[in-house]
Amino acid sequence: MLQAIVFDLDYTLAVPDRDRATILRETIDATGAPEVTRDEYLEAHRSNLTRETREPIFADLLADRESDVDPAELAAVYRETIANTIQPLSGVEAMLADLRAEYRVGLLTNGPIRAQRDKLDVLGWNDAFDAVFVTGELEAGKPDPRAFEAIAGELGVDPAAAVYVGDEVEADVSGATNAGMRAIQVLLEDGPDPDQRAVAYVPQNELATALPDVVADLE
């Protein structure tokens, strides 16, 4: 019996008003830091999922580049820029409230504590879930099963009684299923193809209207 629904945050429930490569470029330009690509940033991010801030991410990126820019300054500017651009997908706040009437609802998001908690502050979502974990607060990030087990434990349910909703194949679909959860893949317009390990698929732009029925069908 399905008892809990756990969500990813970025590109599942909330999106920036411009692409992340542009936001990174704006940060680089504002601080005078050396060129950093989005792919390089993502690689460094994946190596720093259990951190307090993004400072270690930018420290890794600057380690092999000549620069006198402080990684802490880069982290602060990037965090503030992200916070100024993030917005909820249409209808998701009402959807979350409706789902909480029937299920335990949680959030598990990869990233440093301050970065992800800032997003929740900006969105006004600190009370939108029954439990929230940022992987910076945990021993491991997604797709490690320990991250999924932690949020299931915080919600007071067995992983087998929970479904995870997210857009990334490795971090979300693979991670959740390996932890014993079912997974619903959020499909982005320019994202990966549907993964066969997911039990259902929901287009990102239809999440708020389609997901409740998809979840009901899993009962």
Protein backbone atom coordinates (compact mmCIF):
# COMPACT_ATOMS: atom_id res chain seq x y z
CA MET A 1 0.00 0.00 0.00
CA LEU A 2 1.35 3.40 -0.98
CA GLN A 3 1.88 5.59 2.09
CA ALA A 4 4.34 8.27 1.02
CA ILE A 5 5.36 10.37 -1.98
CA VAL A 6 8.86 11.85 -2.05
CA PHE A 7 9.87 14.57 -4.49
CA ASP A 8 13.05 15.85 -6.03
CA LEU A 9 13.23 19.67 -6.04
CA ASP A 10 15.10 21.12 -9.03
CA TYR A 11 13.36 20.66 -12.41
CA THR A 12 10.74 18.49 -10.72
CA LEU A 13 8.87 21.01 -8.55
CA ALA A 14 10.72 24.25 -9.27
CA VAL A 15 12.71 25.71 -12.14
CA PRO A 16 14.87 28.80 -12.72
CA ASP A 17 13.51 31.45 -15.05
CA ARG A 18 16.59 31.01 -17.27
CA ASP A 19 18.89 28.08 -17.91
CA ARG A 20 21.60 27.15 -15.41
CA ALA A 21 24.41 27.64 -17.93
CA THR A 22 23.35 31.28 -18.25
CA ILE A 23 23.19 31.68 -14.47
CA LEU A 24 26.68 30.22 -14.13
CA ARG A 25 27.95 32.58 -16.82
CA GLU A 26 26.41 35.55 -14.98
CA THR A 27 28.18 34.45 -11.79
CA ILE A 28 31.51 34.10 -13.56
CA ASP A 29 31.13 37.54 -15.17
CA ALA A 30 30.09 39.19 -11.90
CA THR A 31 33.10 37.88 -9.97
CA GLY A 32 35.79 37.92 -12.67
CA ALA A 33 36.41 34.20 -12.20
CA PRO A 34 37.94 32.03 -14.94
CA GLU A 35 35.74 30.26 -17.47
CA VAL A 36 33.84 27.27 -16.05
CA THR A 37 31.49 25.16 -18.13
CA ARG A 38 28.17 23.79 -16.92
CA ASP A 39 29.45 20.22 -17.37
CA GLU A 40 32.51 20.98 -15.24
CA TYR A 41 30.27 22.47 -12.58
CA LEU A 42 27.99 19.42 -12.53
CA GLU A 43 30.96 17.07 -12.15
CA ALA A 44 32.25 19.07 -9.18
CA HIS A 45 28.73 19.24 -7.74
CA ARG A 46 28.37 15.44 -7.84
CA SER A 47 31.59 15.17 -5.83
CA ASN A 48 30.31 17.54 -3.13
CA LEU A 49 26.77 16.41 -2.30
CA THR A 50 27.25 16.33 1.47
CA ARG A 51 28.51 19.87 2.07
CA GLU A 52 27.31 22.93 3.96
CA THR A 53 27.77 25.34 1.02
CA ARG A 54 28.89 25.36 -2.61
CA GLU A 55 32.32 26.72 -1.60
CA PRO A 56 34.04 23.29 -1.99
CA ILE A 57 32.48 22.95 -5.45
CA PHE A 58 34.01 26.19 -6.64
CA ALA A 59 37.27 25.46 -4.81
CA ASP A 60 37.57 22.26 -6.86
CA LEU A 61 36.79 24.16 -10.06
CA LEU A 62 39.39 26.85 -9.38
CA ALA A 63 42.10 24.47 -8.17
CA ASP A 64 43.68 24.08 -11.62
CA ARG A 65 43.04 27.61 -12.81
CA GLU A 66 44.96 30.78 -12.14
CA SER A 67 42.62 32.96 -10.13
CA ASP A 68 42.54 35.12 -7.01
CA VAL A 69 38.73 34.86 -6.78
CA ASP A 70 37.55 33.51 -3.43
CA PRO A 71 35.50 30.30 -3.86
CA ALA A 72 33.26 31.50 -1.03
CA GLU A 73 32.46 34.66 -3.01
CA LEU A 74 31.62 32.60 -6.08
CA ALA A 75 29.37 30.36 -3.99
CA ALA A 76 27.56 33.33 -2.47
CA VAL A 77 26.96 35.08 -5.80
CA TYR A 78 25.76 31.87 -7.45
CA ARG A 79 23.43 31.10 -4.53
CA GLU A 80 21.92 34.59 -4.61
CA THR A 81 21.46 34.48 -8.39
CA ILE A 82 19.73 31.09 -8.21
CA ALA A 83 17.48 32.33 -5.40
CA ASN A 84 16.42 35.29 -7.52
CA THR A 85 15.46 33.10 -10.48
CA ILE A 86 13.76 30.02 -9.01
CA GLN A 87 10.01 29.65 -9.28
CA PRO A 88 7.51 26.84 -8.72
CA LEU A 89 5.97 24.92 -11.58
CA SER A 90 2.38 25.94 -12.13
CA GLY A 91 -0.03 24.33 -9.69
CA VAL A 92 2.45 22.30 -7.66
CA GLU A 93 1.78 24.06 -4.36
CA ALA A 94 -1.91 23.15 -4.45
CA MET A 95 -0.98 19.64 -5.59
CA LEU A 96 1.34 19.16 -2.62
CA ALA A 97 -1.34 20.32 -0.20
CA ASP A 98 -3.89 17.94 -1.73
CA LEU A 99 -1.48 14.99 -1.65
CA ARG A 100 -0.72 15.59 2.03
CA ALA A 101 -4.37 14.93 2.81
CA GLU A 102 -3.87 11.33 1.62
CA TYR A 103 -0.15 10.54 1.98
CA ARG A 104 3.00 11.47 3.82
CA VAL A 105 4.85 13.86 1.50
CA GLY A 106 8.62 14.36 1.57
CA LEU A 107 11.42 16.13 -0.27
CA LEU A 108 14.89 14.72 -0.94
CA THR A 109 17.17 17.04 -2.87
CA ASN A 110 20.84 16.76 -3.80
CA GLY A 111 23.15 19.59 -2.90
CA PRO A 112 24.82 21.64 -0.19
CA ILE A 113 22.65 22.57 2.79
CA ARG A 114 22.63 26.34 2.45
CA ALA A 115 22.05 26.31 -1.30
CA GLN A 116 19.00 24.05 -1.18
CA ARG A 117 17.54 25.45 2.04
CA ASP A 118 17.77 28.94 0.53
CA LYS A 119 15.61 27.76 -2.37
CA LEU A 120 12.97 26.47 0.05
CA ASP A 121 13.03 29.82 1.87
CA VAL A 122 12.57 31.75 -1.36
CA LEU A 123 9.75 29.45 -2.48
CA GLY A 124 8.10 29.63 0.93
CA TRP A 125 8.06 25.85 1.16
CA ASN A 126 9.52 25.22 4.60
CA ASP A 127 6.13 23.89 5.76
CA ALA A 128 5.06 22.32 2.46
CA PHE A 129 6.33 18.83 3.31
CA ASP A 130 6.09 16.37 6.17
CA ALA A 131 9.85 15.83 5.99
CA VAL A 132 12.74 17.38 4.06
CA PHE A 133 16.32 16.23 3.62
CA VAL A 134 19.05 18.07 1.74
CA THR A 135 21.86 15.62 1.04
CA GLY A 136 24.32 18.05 2.61
CA GLU A 137 22.72 16.99 5.89
CA LEU A 138 23.24 13.28 5.20
CA GLU A 139 26.08 10.77 4.91
CA ALA A 140 25.46 10.31 1.20
CA GLY A 141 23.62 11.92 -1.70
CA LYS A 142 21.43 10.47 -4.42
CA PRO A 143 21.68 7.88 -5.95
CA ASP A 144 23.10 6.25 -2.82
CA PRO A 145 20.33 4.16 -1.20
CA ARG A 146 21.17 5.65 2.19
CA ALA A 147 19.71 8.99 1.10
CA PHE A 148 16.38 7.40 0.16
CA GLU A 149 16.34 5.25 3.27
CA ALA A 150 16.89 8.37 5.38
CA ILE A 151 13.88 10.24 3.99
CA ALA A 152 11.69 7.13 4.23
CA GLY A 153 12.72 6.76 7.87
CA GLU A 154 11.98 10.42 8.56
CA LEU A 155 8.52 9.95 7.06
CA GLY A 156 8.00 6.82 9.14
CA VAL A 157 7.43 4.49 6.20
CA ASP A 158 9.16 1.52 4.64
CA PRO A 159 10.82 2.39 1.29
CA ALA A 160 8.56 -0.17 -0.40
CA ALA A 161 5.56 1.93 0.68
CA ALA A 162 6.93 5.08 -0.97
CA VAL A 163 7.24 6.41 -4.50
CA TYR A 164 9.92 8.89 -5.59
CA VAL A 165 9.19 11.56 -8.18
CA GLY A 166 12.16 13.04 -10.04
CA ASP A 167 13.61 13.91 -13.44
CA GLU A 168 17.12 12.43 -13.37
CA VAL A 169 17.61 8.85 -14.49
CA GLU A 170 20.66 8.00 -12.38
CA ALA A 171 20.07 10.10 -9.26
CA ASP A 172 16.30 9.70 -9.08
CA VAL A 173 14.97 6.67 -10.97
CA SER A 174 17.95 4.38 -10.44
CA GLY A 175 18.61 5.62 -6.92
CA ALA A 176 15.02 5.20 -5.75
CA THR A 177 14.52 1.76 -7.26
CA ASN A 178 17.81 0.49 -5.84
CA ALA A 179 16.60 1.63 -2.41
CA GLY A 180 13.36 -0.32 -2.77
CA MET A 181 11.10 2.58 -3.74
CA ARG A 182 9.05 2.84 -6.89
CA ALA A 183 9.94 5.76 -9.14
CA ILE A 184 7.91 8.13 -11.30
CA GLN A 185 10.06 9.84 -13.92
CA VAL A 186 9.39 13.49 -14.71
CA LEU A 187 10.01 13.96 -18.41
CA LEU A 188 11.66 17.21 -19.51
CA GLU A 189 11.21 18.58 -23.00
CA ASP A 190 14.95 18.27 -23.68
CA GLY A 191 15.66 15.61 -21.06
CA PRO A 192 16.42 11.89 -21.11
CA ASP A 193 14.09 9.28 -22.59
CA PRO A 194 11.72 7.34 -20.34
CA ASP A 195 13.64 4.81 -18.29
CA GLN A 196 12.19 1.30 -18.07
CA ARG A 197 12.80 1.10 -14.32
CA ALA A 198 10.22 3.82 -13.64
CA VAL A 199 6.68 2.64 -12.94
CA ALA A 200 5.16 5.73 -14.59
CA TYR A 201 6.05 8.90 -16.45
CA VAL A 202 4.74 12.46 -16.16
CA PRO A 203 5.66 15.37 -18.46
CA GLN A 204 7.11 18.23 -16.42
CA ASN A 205 4.54 20.72 -17.72
CA GLU A 206 1.68 18.41 -16.67
CA LEU A 207 3.00 17.46 -13.24
CA ALA A 208 0.42 19.25 -11.09
CA THR A 209 -2.57 17.99 -13.06
CA ALA A 210 -1.40 14.49 -14.00
CA LEU A 211 0.54 13.25 -10.98
CA PRO A 212 -2.39 12.74 -8.54
CA ASP A 213 -4.10 10.36 -10.96
CA VAL A 214 -0.83 8.55 -11.69
CA VAL A 215 -0.25 8.09 -7.96
CA ALA A 216 -3.81 6.87 -7.41
CA ASP A 217 -3.26 4.18 -10.06
CA LEU A 218 -0.30 2.83 -8.05
CA GLU A 219 -2.47 1.93 -5.06
